[in-house]
Protein backbone atom coordinates (compact mmCIF):
# COMPACT_ATOMS: atom_id res chain seq x y z
CA UNK A 1 -105.74 -122.72 -179.35
CA UNK A 2 -109.31 -123.64 -178.41
CA UNK A 3 -111.63 -120.78 -179.25
CA UNK A 4 -114.68 -122.08 -177.37
CA UNK A 5 -116.84 -125.10 -176.74
CA UNK A 6 -117.83 -126.98 -179.88
CA UNK A 7 -121.38 -125.72 -179.30
CA UNK A 8 -120.26 -122.08 -179.70
CA UNK A 9 -117.15 -122.49 -181.87
CA UNK A 10 -118.67 -121.07 -185.05
CA UNK A 11 -120.20 -118.07 -183.29
CA UNK A 12 -116.94 -117.22 -181.49
CA UNK A 13 -114.87 -117.65 -184.67
CA UNK A 14 -117.34 -115.68 -186.76
CA UNK A 15 -117.90 -118.67 -189.06
CA UNK A 16 -121.39 -120.01 -188.29
CA UNK A 17 -121.07 -123.08 -190.53
CA UNK A 18 -117.54 -124.05 -189.45
CA UNK A 19 -116.64 -127.71 -189.80
CA UNK A 20 -115.99 -129.02 -186.30
CA UNK A 21 -114.57 -132.42 -187.27
CA UNK A 22 -111.07 -131.01 -188.01
CA UNK A 23 -111.06 -129.19 -184.66
CA UNK A 24 -111.96 -132.38 -182.79
CA UNK A 25 -109.43 -134.41 -184.82
CA UNK A 26 -106.64 -131.96 -183.96
CA UNK A 27 -107.50 -132.17 -180.26
CA UNK A 28 -107.57 -135.97 -180.38
CA UNK A 29 -104.19 -136.08 -182.16
CA UNK A 30 -102.61 -133.97 -179.44
CA UNK A 31 -104.20 -135.95 -176.62
CA UNK A 32 -103.06 -139.31 -178.01
CA UNK A 33 -99.71 -138.25 -179.47
CA UNK A 34 -96.27 -138.25 -177.95
CA UNK A 35 -95.28 -134.61 -178.59
CA UNK A 36 -95.44 -131.96 -175.90
CA UNK A 37 -98.41 -129.60 -176.17
CA UNK A 38 -100.62 -127.20 -174.29
CA UNK A 39 -104.17 -126.05 -174.83
CA UNK A 40 -105.18 -122.44 -174.28
CA UNK A 41 -108.18 -120.18 -174.65
CA UNK A 42 -108.24 -116.40 -174.69
CA UNK A 43 -111.21 -115.63 -172.49
CA UNK A 44 -113.72 -112.91 -173.39
CA UNK A 45 -116.62 -112.06 -171.08
CA UNK A 46 -119.17 -112.19 -173.89
CA UNK A 47 -118.17 -115.73 -174.92
CA UNK A 48 -116.70 -117.50 -171.89
CA UNK A 49 -118.39 -118.72 -168.71
CA UNK A 50 -118.35 -121.76 -166.43
CA UNK A 51 -120.56 -123.74 -168.82
CA UNK A 52 -118.08 -123.06 -171.63
CA UNK A 53 -115.21 -124.05 -169.33
CA UNK A 54 -116.97 -127.30 -168.43
CA UNK A 55 -117.66 -128.11 -172.11
CA UNK A 56 -114.04 -127.44 -173.05
CA UNK A 57 -112.88 -129.52 -170.09
CA UNK A 58 -114.88 -132.50 -171.31
CA UNK A 59 -113.52 -131.93 -174.83
CA UNK A 60 -109.87 -132.04 -173.68
CA UNK A 61 -110.32 -134.48 -170.78
CA UNK A 62 -106.99 -136.03 -169.86
CA UNK A 63 -104.92 -133.12 -171.17
CA UNK A 64 -101.71 -132.24 -169.36
CA UNK A 65 -101.93 -128.44 -169.49
CA UNK A 66 -104.60 -125.85 -170.21
CA UNK A 67 -104.20 -122.10 -169.89
CA UNK A 68 -106.92 -119.49 -169.62
CA UNK A 69 -105.52 -116.32 -171.11
CA UNK A 70 -106.92 -112.95 -170.19
CA UNK A 71 -108.30 -110.85 -173.03
CA UNK A 72 -106.52 -107.53 -173.49
CA UNK A 73 -108.20 -104.70 -175.33
CA UNK A 74 -106.14 -103.53 -178.29
CA UNK A 75 -106.34 -101.13 -181.20
CA UNK A 76 -105.86 -104.19 -183.43
CA UNK A 77 -109.09 -105.86 -182.27
CA UNK A 78 -111.89 -104.47 -184.44
CA UNK A 79 -114.74 -105.38 -182.04
CA UNK A 80 -114.64 -102.74 -179.31
CA UNK A 81 -117.58 -104.31 -177.43
CA UNK A 82 -115.51 -107.19 -176.01
CA UNK A 83 -114.44 -107.27 -172.36
CA UNK A 84 -112.01 -109.18 -170.17
CA UNK A 85 -113.25 -111.87 -167.80
CA UNK A 86 -112.70 -111.06 -164.12
CA UNK A 87 -109.93 -112.85 -162.27
CA UNK A 88 -112.50 -114.24 -159.82
CA UNK A 89 -114.54 -115.78 -162.62
CA UNK A 90 -111.39 -117.23 -164.21
CA UNK A 91 -110.43 -118.78 -160.88
CA UNK A 92 -113.90 -120.33 -160.63
CA UNK A 93 -113.49 -121.72 -164.16
CA UNK A 94 -110.08 -123.14 -163.23
CA UNK A 95 -111.64 -125.08 -160.38
CA UNK A 96 -114.19 -126.50 -162.81
CA UNK A 97 -111.50 -127.41 -165.35
CA UNK A 98 -109.32 -129.18 -162.78
CA UNK A 99 -111.84 -132.04 -162.91
CA UNK A 100 -110.63 -132.77 -166.44
CA UNK A 101 -107.09 -131.41 -166.90
CA UNK A 102 -103.94 -132.10 -164.90
CA UNK A 103 -102.68 -128.48 -164.78
CA UNK A 104 -104.89 -125.43 -165.30
CA UNK A 105 -103.45 -121.93 -164.97
CA UNK A 106 -104.38 -118.34 -165.71
CA UNK A 107 -102.13 -116.16 -167.88
CA UNK A 108 -102.08 -112.43 -168.36
CA UNK A 109 -104.45 -111.41 -165.58
């Protein structure tokens, strides 16, 4: 699960001083390993745009599969100010990500 670009990871996770080295190491292990994997990001309008998609694409360049998951409002999400990304914007982000990843798909939209 990739929360955001490394640039915004701490802000999106709510941990401003998050250590990014373990995140990058985990990604590198998956990219160079032999086990099956997929990367995914739950997209939220306030945190996800084409620049974020491009940054994530460069981060996981060469990956086999990446899924953009639509955010769904829920009573279990404490922040009620978050919104789903439009399908059109997700499709635009997919086109950007296809430069880096073999298969990019949208889920839950």
